[in-house]
Structures are given as C-alpha cells and as structure tokens.
Amino acid sequence: MKKGTIILLVIVGIFLLIGFNGCNSYNAMVTMDEGVTAQWKQVEVAYQARMDKTKNLFEIVQSAADFEKGTLKEVMEARSKATSITIDPSHITPEKLAEFEKAQSAFGSSLGRLMAVAENYPQLQSVGAFRDFQAQYEGMENRIATERRRFNETAQEFNTYIRRFPKNIWAGMFRFDKRAYFEAQEGADKAPDIKSMREGK
C-alpha cells in the first residue's frame, strides 16, 4: 500500500472518530438538556399545586369576618405576582431564576404568615376546609423543596458534562449553555419566628 494512501486512510479515520465523538456528545447533551427541562416542569408543577390549593383558601379566610384583611391582601398580591412570572425552560438564566424565586419566596412567606396568624382565630380553625389546607401545607412546601433539589442535581450533571474537555468544545459549537441553580434565600439558614409572624413583624 502506498504511503499516500495510508496517510489518507489515517486522516479519514481521524475525521470519522471526531465525527463519531461529536455525534455521541451532541446526543448526550440533548438527552441531559431534556432532563433538565423535564425536571424544571416538575418544579413548576409543585409550585402550581400550591397556587391551586390557595384559591379556595382566600374564600375560607374571608369568611372569618374579623380576620386581618391586610394579611390576606398581602397573600393575594404575592400570589398574583408569582403567577405572572414564567420562565422558558430552555433559557433559564441566573437572573430569570432569581426573579422567579423572589416572587415565589414572597408568596411562600406571606402564605406562611397567614397560616401563623390564622391560629389566633378559632372560627377559622373550626372550618374543615381550612384544617385540610393546614394538613397539606407542610407537604406542599416539602414537595417544592424536593423538586428544587432534584432540579439542581439534574442541572449540575448537565453543567459538569458540558464543561469537561472535549465536551466543552462541542457544547460551544452546538450552543448548549450552562443552566442556573436555585439558591437559598437570604436568611434561609434561620428558623422562622412564629411569634413574629403572628404579630406581622
């Protein structure tokens, strides 16, 4: 076999290996990217479940004539703001995620304050639907925390994959960008003060 033919075969072989690696890398990135998107949908489902369950809560609380209207209004406004912010799962930037989380956190905090204040109203406590919501409240918050953690794990796996050499070259070529993470809110390391929440501080 001629030397020129051997060199040509070697070059073709190298290009085939590079192409094969590129195809495998692209397919893996697509799969992982879809995994991040799917997990984001689970996060949205968890938040939406909390939103849906609070629809009837407002009517129940309003039935307590002497209930603090300011607290209820705060929750309703926070809920409205939280539902107005949506994120395209294929373009989750740190800024967008921070905006989304800030609105959701404000709603969660105001809802928690309402639940704490409601303990001072025996009339409200006697309503079966309100008691049902109280029983489900902790489970809703736990599910949100679980889905957020799973999202971070899925995003970390994707981010690590696309940053490793030589995958980072293919990621740049195919425009796969790093995904943002959920971060703990300021003061999340401190336990909530129920007494302060009841007093509206």
N, C-alpha and C. Protein backbone atom coordinates (compact mmCIF):
# COMPACT_ATOMS: atom_id res chain seq x y z
N MET A 1 0.85 -1.19 0.00
CA MET A 1 0.00 0.00 0.00
C MET A 1 0.89 1.24 0.00
N LYS A 2 0.53 2.19 -0.81
CA LYS A 2 1.33 3.39 -0.94
C LYS A 2 1.25 4.25 0.32
N LYS A 3 2.34 4.96 0.53
CA LYS A 3 2.42 5.83 1.70
C LYS A 3 1.30 6.88 1.69
N GLY A 4 1.02 7.44 0.51
CA GLY A 4 -0.02 8.46 0.38
C GLY A 4 -1.39 7.91 0.75
N THR A 5 -1.65 6.65 0.36
CA THR A 5 -2.94 6.01 0.67
C THR A 5 -3.09 5.81 2.17
N ILE A 6 -2.00 5.38 2.81
CA ILE A 6 -2.02 5.16 4.26
C ILE A 6 -2.32 6.47 4.99
N ILE A 7 -1.64 7.52 4.57
CA ILE A 7 -1.86 8.84 5.21
C ILE A 7 -3.31 9.27 5.03
N LEU A 8 -3.85 9.05 3.83
CA LEU A 8 -5.23 9.42 3.54
C LEU A 8 -6.20 8.63 4.42
N LEU A 9 -5.95 7.33 4.59
CA LEU A 9 -6.81 6.49 5.44
C LEU A 9 -6.74 6.94 6.90
N VAL A 10 -5.53 7.30 7.34
CA VAL A 10 -5.37 7.78 8.72
C VAL A 10 -6.16 9.06 8.93
N ILE A 11 -6.06 9.98 7.98
CA ILE A 11 -6.78 11.26 8.07
C ILE A 11 -8.30 11.02 8.09
N VAL A 12 -8.75 10.14 7.17
CA VAL A 12 -10.19 9.82 7.13
C VAL A 12 -10.63 9.19 8.45
N GLY A 13 -9.79 8.29 8.98
CA GLY A 13 -10.10 7.63 10.26
C GLY A 13 -10.21 8.63 11.40
N ILE A 14 -9.30 9.60 11.40
CA ILE A 14 -9.34 10.64 12.45
C ILE A 14 -10.62 11.46 12.36
N PHE A 15 -10.97 11.83 11.12
CA PHE A 15 -12.20 12.62 10.93
C PHE A 15 -13.44 11.82 11.34
N LEU A 16 -13.43 10.52 11.03
CA LEU A 16 -14.55 9.66 11.42
C LEU A 16 -14.68 9.58 12.94
N LEU A 17 -13.52 9.44 13.63
CA LEU A 17 -13.53 9.38 15.10
C LEU A 17 -14.04 10.69 15.70
N ILE A 18 -13.59 11.81 15.13
CA ILE A 18 -14.04 13.11 15.62
C ILE A 18 -15.54 13.27 15.39
N GLY A 19 -15.99 12.87 14.19
CA GLY A 19 -17.41 12.96 13.88
C GLY A 19 -18.25 12.08 14.79
N PHE A 20 -17.76 10.86 15.04
CA PHE A 20 -18.47 9.93 15.92
C PHE A 20 -18.55 10.50 17.33
N ASN A 21 -17.43 11.06 17.81
CA ASN A 21 -17.41 11.66 19.14
C ASN A 21 -18.37 12.85 19.22
N GLY A 22 -18.39 13.65 18.14
CA GLY A 22 -19.29 14.80 18.09
C GLY A 22 -20.75 14.38 18.14
N CYS A 23 -21.10 13.35 17.37
CA CYS A 23 -22.49 12.85 17.36
C CYS A 23 -22.88 12.31 18.72
N ASN A 24 -22.00 11.51 19.32
CA ASN A 24 -22.29 10.96 20.66
C ASN A 24 -22.45 12.07 21.69
N SER A 25 -21.55 13.05 21.64
CA SER A 25 -21.60 14.16 22.59
C SER A 25 -22.89 14.97 22.42
N TYR A 26 -23.24 15.25 21.17
CA TYR A 26 -24.47 16.02 20.90
C TYR A 26 -25.69 15.29 21.43
N ASN A 27 -25.78 13.98 21.13
CA ASN A 27 -26.93 13.20 21.58
C ASN A 27 -27.02 13.15 23.10
N ALA A 28 -25.88 13.03 23.76
CA ALA A 28 -25.86 13.00 25.23
C ALA A 28 -26.30 14.35 25.79
N MET A 29 -25.84 15.44 25.17
CA MET A 29 -26.21 16.78 25.63
C MET A 29 -27.71 17.03 25.45
N VAL A 30 -28.25 16.58 24.33
CA VAL A 30 -29.69 16.73 24.09
C VAL A 30 -30.48 15.98 25.16
N THR A 31 -30.07 14.75 25.44
CA THR A 31 -30.75 13.94 26.44
C THR A 31 -30.71 14.60 27.81
N MET A 32 -29.54 15.09 28.20
CA MET A 32 -29.38 15.73 29.50
C MET A 32 -30.11 17.06 29.57
N ASP A 33 -30.08 17.80 28.45
CA ASP A 33 -30.79 19.08 28.38
C ASP A 33 -32.29 18.86 28.55
N GLU A 34 -32.82 17.83 27.90
CA GLU A 34 -34.24 17.50 28.06
C GLU A 34 -34.55 17.06 29.49
N GLY A 35 -33.58 16.41 30.13
CA GLY A 35 -33.75 16.00 31.53
C GLY A 35 -33.89 17.21 32.45
N VAL A 36 -33.07 18.24 32.19
CA VAL A 36 -33.15 19.47 32.98
C VAL A 36 -34.51 20.15 32.75
N THR A 37 -34.94 20.20 31.49
CA THR A 37 -36.22 20.81 31.16
C THR A 37 -37.38 20.06 31.82
N ALA A 38 -37.32 18.73 31.77
CA ALA A 38 -38.37 17.91 32.39
C ALA A 38 -38.42 18.15 33.89
N GLN A 39 -37.25 18.26 34.52
CA GLN A 39 -37.23 18.49 35.97
C GLN A 39 -37.72 19.89 36.30
N TRP A 40 -37.46 20.85 35.42
CA TRP A 40 -38.00 22.20 35.64
C TRP A 40 -39.52 22.16 35.64
N LYS A 41 -40.09 21.35 34.75
CA LYS A 41 -41.55 21.21 34.69
C LYS A 41 -42.08 20.65 36.01
N GLN A 42 -41.32 19.75 36.63
CA GLN A 42 -41.74 19.20 37.93
C GLN A 42 -41.71 20.28 39.01
N VAL A 43 -40.73 21.17 38.92
CA VAL A 43 -40.67 22.31 39.86
C VAL A 43 -41.92 23.17 39.67
N GLU A 44 -42.25 23.46 38.41
CA GLU A 44 -43.43 24.28 38.13
C GLU A 44 -44.71 23.62 38.61
N VAL A 45 -44.80 22.30 38.45
CA VAL A 45 -45.98 21.56 38.91
C VAL A 45 -46.13 21.69 40.42
N ALA A 46 -45.02 21.58 41.14
CA ALA A 46 -45.07 21.69 42.60
C ALA A 46 -45.52 23.08 43.03
N TYR A 47 -44.99 24.11 42.39
CA TYR A 47 -45.41 25.48 42.71
C TYR A 47 -46.87 25.71 42.31
N GLN A 48 -47.28 25.16 41.16
CA GLN A 48 -48.65 25.34 40.69
C GLN A 48 -49.65 24.66 41.63
N ALA A 49 -49.26 23.52 42.19
CA ALA A 49 -50.14 22.83 43.14
C ALA A 49 -50.42 23.71 44.35
N ARG A 50 -49.38 24.40 44.80
CA ARG A 50 -49.57 25.32 45.93
C ARG A 50 -50.49 26.47 45.52
N MET A 51 -50.29 26.99 44.32
CA MET A 51 -51.15 28.08 43.83
C MET A 51 -52.61 27.63 43.76
N ASP A 52 -52.82 26.45 43.19
CA ASP A 52 -54.19 25.95 43.02
C ASP A 52 -54.90 25.74 44.34
N LYS A 53 -54.16 25.21 45.31
CA LYS A 53 -54.78 24.92 46.60
C LYS A 53 -55.09 26.19 47.39
N THR A 54 -54.47 27.31 47.04
CA THR A 54 -54.74 28.54 47.78
C THR A 54 -55.94 29.31 47.22
N LYS A 55 -56.48 28.88 46.07
CA LYS A 55 -57.64 29.56 45.51
C LYS A 55 -58.80 29.59 46.49
N ASN A 56 -59.13 28.41 47.01
CA ASN A 56 -60.25 28.32 47.95
C ASN A 56 -59.90 28.87 49.32
N LEU A 57 -58.62 28.91 49.62
CA LEU A 57 -58.19 29.40 50.93
C LEU A 57 -58.64 30.84 51.16
N PHE A 58 -58.57 31.67 50.13
CA PHE A 58 -58.96 33.07 50.27
C PHE A 58 -60.42 33.20 50.67
N GLU A 59 -61.28 32.41 50.04
CA GLU A 59 -62.70 32.47 50.36
C GLU A 59 -62.96 31.99 51.79
N ILE A 60 -62.23 30.96 52.19
CA ILE A 60 -62.38 30.42 53.55
C ILE A 60 -61.97 31.47 54.58
N VAL A 61 -60.82 32.09 54.35
CA VAL A 61 -60.31 33.09 55.30
C VAL A 61 -61.22 34.31 55.34
N GLN A 62 -61.74 34.72 54.19
CA GLN A 62 -62.63 35.88 54.15
C GLN A 62 -63.91 35.64 54.94
N SER A 63 -64.27 34.36 55.13
CA SER A 63 -65.48 34.06 55.89
C SER A 63 -65.32 34.41 57.37
N ALA A 64 -64.08 34.52 57.83
CA ALA A 64 -63.84 34.96 59.21
C ALA A 64 -63.86 36.49 59.18
N ALA A 65 -65.02 37.04 59.56
CA ALA A 65 -65.27 38.48 59.39
C ALA A 65 -64.21 39.37 60.03
N ASP A 66 -63.66 38.94 61.14
CA ASP A 66 -62.72 39.80 61.86
C ASP A 66 -61.26 39.50 61.50
N PHE A 67 -61.04 38.65 60.48
CA PHE A 67 -59.66 38.30 60.13
C PHE A 67 -58.93 39.51 59.56
N GLU A 68 -57.63 39.56 59.83
CA GLU A 68 -56.80 40.70 59.41
C GLU A 68 -56.75 40.81 57.89
N LYS A 69 -57.45 41.80 57.37
CA LYS A 69 -57.56 41.96 55.92
C LYS A 69 -56.21 42.27 55.26
N GLY A 70 -55.34 42.98 55.99
CA GLY A 70 -54.04 43.33 55.44
C GLY A 70 -53.21 42.09 55.12
N THR A 71 -53.27 41.10 56.00
CA THR A 71 -52.52 39.86 55.80
C THR A 71 -53.04 39.12 54.58
N LEU A 72 -54.37 39.05 54.47
CA LEU A 72 -54.99 38.37 53.33
C LEU A 72 -54.66 39.08 52.02
N LYS A 73 -54.71 40.40 52.04
CA LYS A 73 -54.42 41.19 50.84
C LYS A 73 -52.97 40.96 50.40
N GLU A 74 -52.07 40.90 51.36
CA GLU A 74 -50.65 40.67 51.06
C GLU A 74 -50.45 39.33 50.36
N VAL A 75 -51.15 38.30 50.84
CA VAL A 75 -51.03 36.97 50.24
C VAL A 75 -51.58 36.98 48.82
N MET A 76 -52.72 37.62 48.64
CA MET A 76 -53.35 37.67 47.32
C MET A 76 -52.47 38.41 46.31
N GLU A 77 -51.86 39.50 46.74
CA GLU A 77 -50.97 40.25 45.85
C GLU A 77 -49.71 39.47 45.51
N ALA A 78 -49.16 38.78 46.52
CA ALA A 78 -47.94 37.98 46.30
C ALA A 78 -48.24 36.81 45.36
N ARG A 79 -49.43 36.22 45.52
CA ARG A 79 -49.82 35.11 44.64
C ARG A 79 -49.96 35.60 43.20
N SER A 80 -50.58 36.76 43.03
CA SER A 80 -50.77 37.32 41.69
C SER A 80 -49.43 37.59 41.01
N LYS A 81 -48.48 38.12 41.76
CA LYS A 81 -47.16 38.42 41.20
C LYS A 81 -46.41 37.13 40.85
N ALA A 82 -46.53 36.14 41.73
CA ALA A 82 -45.82 34.88 41.49
C ALA A 82 -46.35 34.16 40.26
N THR A 83 -47.66 34.25 40.00
CA THR A 83 -48.22 33.58 38.84
C THR A 83 -47.91 34.32 37.54
N SER A 84 -47.51 35.58 37.64
CA SER A 84 -47.25 36.37 36.42
C SER A 84 -45.86 36.13 35.84
N ILE A 85 -44.99 35.48 36.60
CA ILE A 85 -43.61 35.27 36.14
C ILE A 85 -43.45 33.84 35.62
N THR A 86 -43.11 33.73 34.37
CA THR A 86 -42.86 32.42 33.76
C THR A 86 -41.46 32.40 33.15
N ILE A 87 -40.91 31.19 33.06
CA ILE A 87 -39.56 31.03 32.52
C ILE A 87 -39.58 30.00 31.40
N ASP A 88 -38.89 30.33 30.31
CA ASP A 88 -38.69 29.38 29.23
C ASP A 88 -37.62 28.39 29.72
N PRO A 89 -37.98 27.10 29.88
CA PRO A 89 -37.01 26.15 30.45
C PRO A 89 -35.73 25.98 29.65
N SER A 90 -35.77 26.35 28.36
CA SER A 90 -34.55 26.22 27.55
C SER A 90 -33.62 27.43 27.71
N HIS A 91 -34.10 28.46 28.42
CA HIS A 91 -33.28 29.66 28.64
C HIS A 91 -33.38 30.11 30.10
N ILE A 92 -33.01 29.20 30.99
CA ILE A 92 -33.05 29.53 32.42
C ILE A 92 -31.74 30.21 32.81
N THR A 93 -31.80 31.52 32.93
CA THR A 93 -30.61 32.29 33.31
C THR A 93 -30.64 32.54 34.82
N PRO A 94 -29.49 32.82 35.42
CA PRO A 94 -29.48 33.13 36.86
C PRO A 94 -30.40 34.29 37.21
N GLU A 95 -30.47 35.29 36.32
CA GLU A 95 -31.31 36.47 36.59
C GLU A 95 -32.79 36.11 36.57
N LYS A 96 -33.20 35.33 35.56
CA LYS A 96 -34.60 34.92 35.45
C LYS A 96 -35.00 34.03 36.63
N LEU A 97 -34.10 33.11 36.97
CA LEU A 97 -34.39 32.19 38.08
C LEU A 97 -34.48 32.95 39.40
N ALA A 98 -33.64 33.96 39.58
CA ALA A 98 -33.67 34.77 40.80
C ALA A 98 -34.98 35.55 40.89
N GLU A 99 -35.44 36.08 39.74
CA GLU A 99 -36.70 36.83 39.71
C GLU A 99 -37.87 35.90 40.04
N PHE A 100 -37.87 34.71 39.44
CA PHE A 100 -38.91 33.72 39.68
C PHE A 100 -38.93 33.33 41.16
N GLU A 101 -37.75 33.02 41.68
CA GLU A 101 -37.66 32.55 43.06
C GLU A 101 -38.02 33.65 44.05
N LYS A 102 -37.67 34.89 43.74
CA LYS A 102 -38.01 36.00 44.63
C LYS A 102 -39.52 36.13 44.77
N ALA A 103 -40.23 36.02 43.64
CA ALA A 103 -41.70 36.12 43.66
C ALA A 103 -42.31 34.93 44.39
N GLN A 104 -41.79 33.74 44.13
CA GLN A 104 -42.32 32.54 44.80
C GLN A 104 -42.03 32.57 46.29
N SER A 105 -40.85 33.07 46.64
CA SER A 105 -40.48 33.16 48.06
C SER A 105 -41.35 34.16 48.79
N ALA A 106 -41.66 35.28 48.13
CA ALA A 106 -42.53 36.29 48.74
C ALA A 106 -43.92 35.72 48.99
N PHE A 107 -44.40 34.93 48.01
CA PHE A 107 -45.71 34.30 48.19
C PHE A 107 -45.67 33.27 49.31
N GLY A 108 -44.62 32.45 49.32
CA GLY A 108 -44.48 31.44 50.37
C GLY A 108 -44.41 32.07 51.76
N SER A 109 -43.68 33.18 51.88
CA SER A 109 -43.54 33.86 53.17
C SER A 109 -44.86 34.45 53.63
N SER A 110 -45.58 35.09 52.71
CA SER A 110 -46.86 35.70 53.09
C SER A 110 -47.89 34.63 53.42
N LEU A 111 -47.83 33.50 52.70
CA LEU A 111 -48.74 32.39 52.99
C LEU A 111 -48.43 31.79 54.36
N GLY A 112 -47.14 31.66 54.66
CA GLY A 112 -46.75 31.16 55.98
C GLY A 112 -47.20 32.09 57.10
N ARG A 113 -47.10 33.40 56.84
CA ARG A 113 -47.56 34.39 57.83
C ARG A 113 -49.06 34.28 58.05
N LEU A 114 -49.80 34.08 56.95
CA LEU A 114 -51.26 33.92 57.07
C LEU A 114 -51.60 32.70 57.91
N MET A 115 -50.88 31.59 57.67
CA MET A 115 -51.14 30.36 58.43
C MET A 115 -50.85 30.57 59.91
N ALA A 116 -49.78 31.33 60.21
CA ALA A 116 -49.43 31.59 61.61
C ALA A 116 -50.47 32.48 62.28
N VAL A 117 -50.88 33.54 61.58
CA VAL A 117 -51.87 34.46 62.13
C VAL A 117 -53.22 33.77 62.32
N ALA A 118 -53.56 32.86 61.40
CA ALA A 118 -54.85 32.17 61.45
C ALA A 118 -55.03 31.35 62.72
N GLU A 119 -53.93 30.98 63.36
CA GLU A 119 -54.04 30.20 64.60
C GLU A 119 -54.74 30.98 65.70
N ASN A 120 -54.80 32.30 65.57
CA ASN A 120 -55.45 33.14 66.58
C ASN A 120 -56.96 33.26 66.36
N TYR A 121 -57.50 32.57 65.35
CA TYR A 121 -58.91 32.70 65.00
C TYR A 121 -59.63 31.35 65.12
N PRO A 122 -60.23 31.08 66.27
CA PRO A 122 -60.93 29.80 66.50
C PRO A 122 -62.00 29.52 65.45
N GLN A 123 -62.68 30.58 64.99
CA GLN A 123 -63.73 30.41 63.99
C GLN A 123 -63.15 29.80 62.71
N LEU A 124 -61.97 30.28 62.35
CA LEU A 124 -61.30 29.79 61.15
C LEU A 124 -60.81 28.36 61.36
N GLN A 125 -60.29 28.10 62.54
CA GLN A 125 -59.77 26.78 62.85
C GLN A 125 -60.85 25.71 62.82
N SER A 126 -62.10 26.12 63.02
CA SER A 126 -63.20 25.15 63.06
C SER A 126 -63.70 24.77 61.66
N VAL A 127 -63.25 25.49 60.63
CA VAL A 127 -63.68 25.19 59.26
C VAL A 127 -62.87 24.01 58.72
N GLY A 128 -63.60 22.96 58.31
CA GLY A 128 -62.94 21.73 57.86
C GLY A 128 -62.00 21.95 56.69
N ALA A 129 -62.40 22.78 55.72
CA ALA A 129 -61.57 23.02 54.54
C ALA A 129 -60.26 23.70 54.92
N PHE A 130 -60.31 24.58 55.94
CA PHE A 130 -59.09 25.24 56.38
C PHE A 130 -58.17 24.24 57.07
N ARG A 131 -58.75 23.37 57.87
CA ARG A 131 -57.95 22.34 58.54
C ARG A 131 -57.29 21.41 57.52
N ASP A 132 -58.03 21.10 56.44
CA ASP A 132 -57.47 20.26 55.38
C ASP A 132 -56.26 20.94 54.74
N PHE A 133 -56.41 22.26 54.50
CA PHE A 133 -55.30 23.01 53.90
C PHE A 133 -54.10 23.01 54.84
N GLN A 134 -54.35 23.21 56.13
CA GLN A 134 -53.25 23.20 57.10
C GLN A 134 -52.50 21.87 57.06
N ALA A 135 -53.29 20.78 56.95
CA ALA A 135 -52.67 19.45 56.93
C ALA A 135 -51.82 19.25 55.67
N GLN A 136 -52.22 19.87 54.57
CA GLN A 136 -51.50 19.70 53.31
C GLN A 136 -50.36 20.71 53.13
N TYR A 137 -50.38 21.77 53.91
CA TYR A 137 -49.44 22.88 53.73
C TYR A 137 -47.98 22.43 53.81
N GLU A 138 -47.65 21.69 54.86
CA GLU A 138 -46.26 21.25 55.04
C GLU A 138 -45.83 20.33 53.90
N GLY A 139 -46.75 19.45 53.46
CA GLY A 139 -46.43 18.55 52.36
C GLY A 139 -46.15 19.30 51.07
N MET A 140 -46.91 20.38 50.82
CA MET A 140 -46.69 21.19 49.61
C MET A 140 -45.31 21.83 49.64
N GLU A 141 -44.95 22.40 50.78
CA GLU A 141 -43.64 23.06 50.90
C GLU A 141 -42.50 22.05 50.77
N ASN A 142 -42.71 20.85 51.33
CA ASN A 142 -41.69 19.81 51.23
C ASN A 142 -41.50 19.34 49.79
N ARG A 143 -42.62 19.25 49.05
CA ARG A 143 -42.52 18.81 47.66
C ARG A 143 -41.78 19.84 46.82
N ILE A 144 -42.06 21.12 47.08
CA ILE A 144 -41.36 22.18 46.36
C ILE A 144 -39.85 22.08 46.62
N ALA A 145 -39.49 21.90 47.88
CA ALA A 145 -38.07 21.79 48.24
C ALA A 145 -37.42 20.59 47.57
N THR A 146 -38.14 19.47 47.52
CA THR A 146 -37.62 18.25 46.90
C THR A 146 -37.40 18.45 45.40
N GLU A 147 -38.38 19.04 44.72
CA GLU A 147 -38.26 19.24 43.27
C GLU A 147 -37.16 20.24 42.94
N ARG A 148 -36.99 21.24 43.78
CA ARG A 148 -35.90 22.20 43.57
C ARG A 148 -34.54 21.51 43.71
N ARG A 149 -34.43 20.66 44.73
CA ARG A 149 -33.17 19.94 44.93
C ARG A 149 -32.87 19.03 43.74
N ARG A 150 -33.90 18.34 43.25
CA ARG A 150 -33.71 17.47 42.09
C ARG A 150 -33.33 18.27 40.84
N PHE A 151 -33.92 19.46 40.70
CA PHE A 151 -33.56 20.31 39.57
C PHE A 151 -32.08 20.68 39.65
N ASN A 152 -31.62 21.09 40.82
CA ASN A 152 -30.21 21.45 40.98
C ASN A 152 -29.30 20.28 40.65
N GLU A 153 -29.69 19.08 41.08
CA GLU A 153 -28.87 17.89 40.80
C GLU A 153 -28.80 17.61 39.30
N THR A 154 -29.96 17.73 38.62
CA THR A 154 -30.01 17.49 37.17
C THR A 154 -29.21 18.55 36.42
N ALA A 155 -29.36 19.81 36.85
CA ALA A 155 -28.62 20.91 36.22
C ALA A 155 -27.12 20.76 36.45
N GLN A 156 -26.74 20.31 37.64
CA GLN A 156 -25.31 20.13 37.94
C GLN A 156 -24.70 19.05 37.05
N GLU A 157 -25.44 17.96 36.85
CA GLU A 157 -24.96 16.87 35.99
C GLU A 157 -24.76 17.38 34.57
N PHE A 158 -25.71 18.15 34.07
CA PHE A 158 -25.63 18.71 32.72
C PHE A 158 -24.46 19.70 32.62
N ASN A 159 -24.38 20.62 33.59
CA ASN A 159 -23.33 21.64 33.57
C ASN A 159 -21.93 21.03 33.63
N THR A 160 -21.78 20.00 34.46
CA THR A 160 -20.48 19.33 34.57
C THR A 160 -20.11 18.68 33.25
N TYR A 161 -21.07 18.04 32.63
CA TYR A 161 -20.82 17.34 31.36
C TYR A 161 -20.36 18.30 30.27
N ILE A 162 -21.07 19.43 30.13
CA ILE A 162 -20.73 20.35 29.02
C ILE A 162 -19.48 21.18 29.30
N ARG A 163 -18.98 21.16 30.53
CA ARG A 163 -17.77 21.95 30.84
C ARG A 163 -16.50 21.11 30.76
N ARG A 164 -16.64 19.78 30.69
CA ARG A 164 -15.47 18.92 30.61
C ARG A 164 -14.91 18.88 29.19
N PHE A 165 -13.59 18.82 29.10
CA PHE A 165 -12.93 18.70 27.81
C PHE A 165 -13.01 17.26 27.33
N PRO A 166 -13.30 16.96 26.08
CA PRO A 166 -13.52 17.90 24.98
C PRO A 166 -14.99 18.26 24.76
N LYS A 167 -15.86 17.84 25.69
CA LYS A 167 -17.30 18.11 25.53
C LYS A 167 -17.58 19.61 25.47
N ASN A 168 -16.74 20.40 26.15
CA ASN A 168 -16.96 21.85 26.15
C ASN A 168 -16.83 22.45 24.74
N ILE A 169 -16.00 21.82 23.92
CA ILE A 169 -15.86 22.29 22.53
C ILE A 169 -17.15 22.06 21.76
N TRP A 170 -17.68 20.83 21.90
CA TRP A 170 -18.94 20.51 21.23
C TRP A 170 -20.09 21.34 21.79
N ALA A 171 -20.10 21.55 23.10
CA ALA A 171 -21.16 22.36 23.72
C ALA A 171 -21.16 23.77 23.15
N GLY A 172 -19.97 24.32 22.96
CA GLY A 172 -19.86 25.66 22.38
C GLY A 172 -20.33 25.68 20.94
N MET A 173 -19.95 24.66 20.19
CA MET A 173 -20.35 24.58 18.79
C MET A 173 -21.87 24.43 18.63
N PHE A 174 -22.45 23.60 19.51
CA PHE A 174 -23.89 23.33 19.41
C PHE A 174 -24.73 24.27 20.28
N ARG A 175 -24.06 25.24 20.91
CA ARG A 175 -24.72 26.27 21.71
C ARG A 175 -25.52 25.72 22.90
N PHE A 176 -24.92 24.81 23.63
CA PHE A 176 -25.50 24.34 24.88
C PHE A 176 -24.92 25.20 25.99
N ASP A 177 -25.79 25.91 26.71
CA ASP A 177 -25.33 26.82 27.76
C ASP A 177 -25.56 26.23 29.15
N LYS A 178 -24.74 26.68 30.06
CA LYS A 178 -24.84 26.26 31.46
C LYS A 178 -26.20 26.69 32.03
N ARG A 179 -26.81 25.82 32.84
CA ARG A 179 -28.10 26.12 33.46
C ARG A 179 -27.88 26.73 34.84
N ALA A 180 -28.80 27.59 35.23
CA ALA A 180 -28.73 28.25 36.54
C ALA A 180 -29.23 27.30 37.63
N TYR A 181 -28.86 27.59 38.88
CA TYR A 181 -29.28 26.80 40.03
C TYR A 181 -30.21 27.61 40.92
N PHE A 182 -31.06 26.89 41.64
CA PHE A 182 -31.78 27.52 42.74
C PHE A 182 -30.78 27.77 43.86
N GLU A 183 -30.88 28.91 44.50
CA GLU A 183 -30.00 29.22 45.63
C GLU A 183 -30.86 29.50 46.85
N ALA A 184 -30.29 29.25 48.01
CA ALA A 184 -31.02 29.50 49.25
C ALA A 184 -31.28 30.99 49.39
N GLN A 185 -32.47 31.33 49.85
CA GLN A 185 -32.81 32.73 50.06
C GLN A 185 -32.07 33.28 51.27
N GLU A 186 -31.86 34.57 51.29
CA GLU A 186 -31.19 35.21 52.42
C GLU A 186 -31.99 34.96 53.69
N GLY A 187 -31.31 34.46 54.71
CA GLY A 187 -31.98 34.17 55.98
C GLY A 187 -32.58 32.79 56.06
N ALA A 188 -32.39 31.98 54.99
CA ALA A 188 -32.97 30.64 54.96
C ALA A 188 -32.32 29.71 55.99
N ASP A 189 -31.14 30.10 56.47
CA ASP A 189 -30.45 29.29 57.46
C ASP A 189 -31.02 29.47 58.86
N LYS A 190 -31.94 30.43 59.02
CA LYS A 190 -32.54 30.70 60.33
C LYS A 190 -33.97 30.18 60.36
N ALA A 191 -34.34 29.56 61.48
CA ALA A 191 -35.70 29.03 61.63
C ALA A 191 -36.68 30.20 61.72
N PRO A 192 -37.87 30.05 61.11
CA PRO A 192 -38.85 31.13 61.17
C PRO A 192 -39.34 31.37 62.58
N ASP A 193 -39.55 32.62 62.93
CA ASP A 193 -40.05 33.00 64.25
C ASP A 193 -41.58 33.12 64.16
N ILE A 194 -42.25 32.07 64.63
CA ILE A 194 -43.71 32.02 64.52
C ILE A 194 -44.38 33.16 65.27
N LYS A 195 -43.81 33.51 66.44
CA LYS A 195 -44.40 34.59 67.21
C LYS A 195 -44.37 35.92 66.43
N SER A 196 -43.24 36.18 65.78
CA SER A 196 -43.12 37.39 64.97
C SER A 196 -44.06 37.37 63.79
N MET A 197 -44.22 36.19 63.18
CA MET A 197 -45.12 36.04 62.04
C MET A 197 -46.56 36.34 62.48
N ARG A 198 -46.93 35.89 63.66
CA ARG A 198 -48.29 36.15 64.15
C ARG A 198 -48.52 37.63 64.40
N GLU A 199 -47.45 38.29 64.84
CA GLU A 199 -47.55 39.70 65.14
C GLU A 199 -47.35 40.57 63.90
N GLY A 200 -47.02 39.90 62.75
CA GLY A 200 -46.86 40.62 61.49
C GLY A 200 -45.56 41.37 61.38
N LYS A 201 -44.56 40.93 62.14
CA LYS A 201 -43.26 41.63 62.09
C LYS A 201 -42.41 41.09 60.95
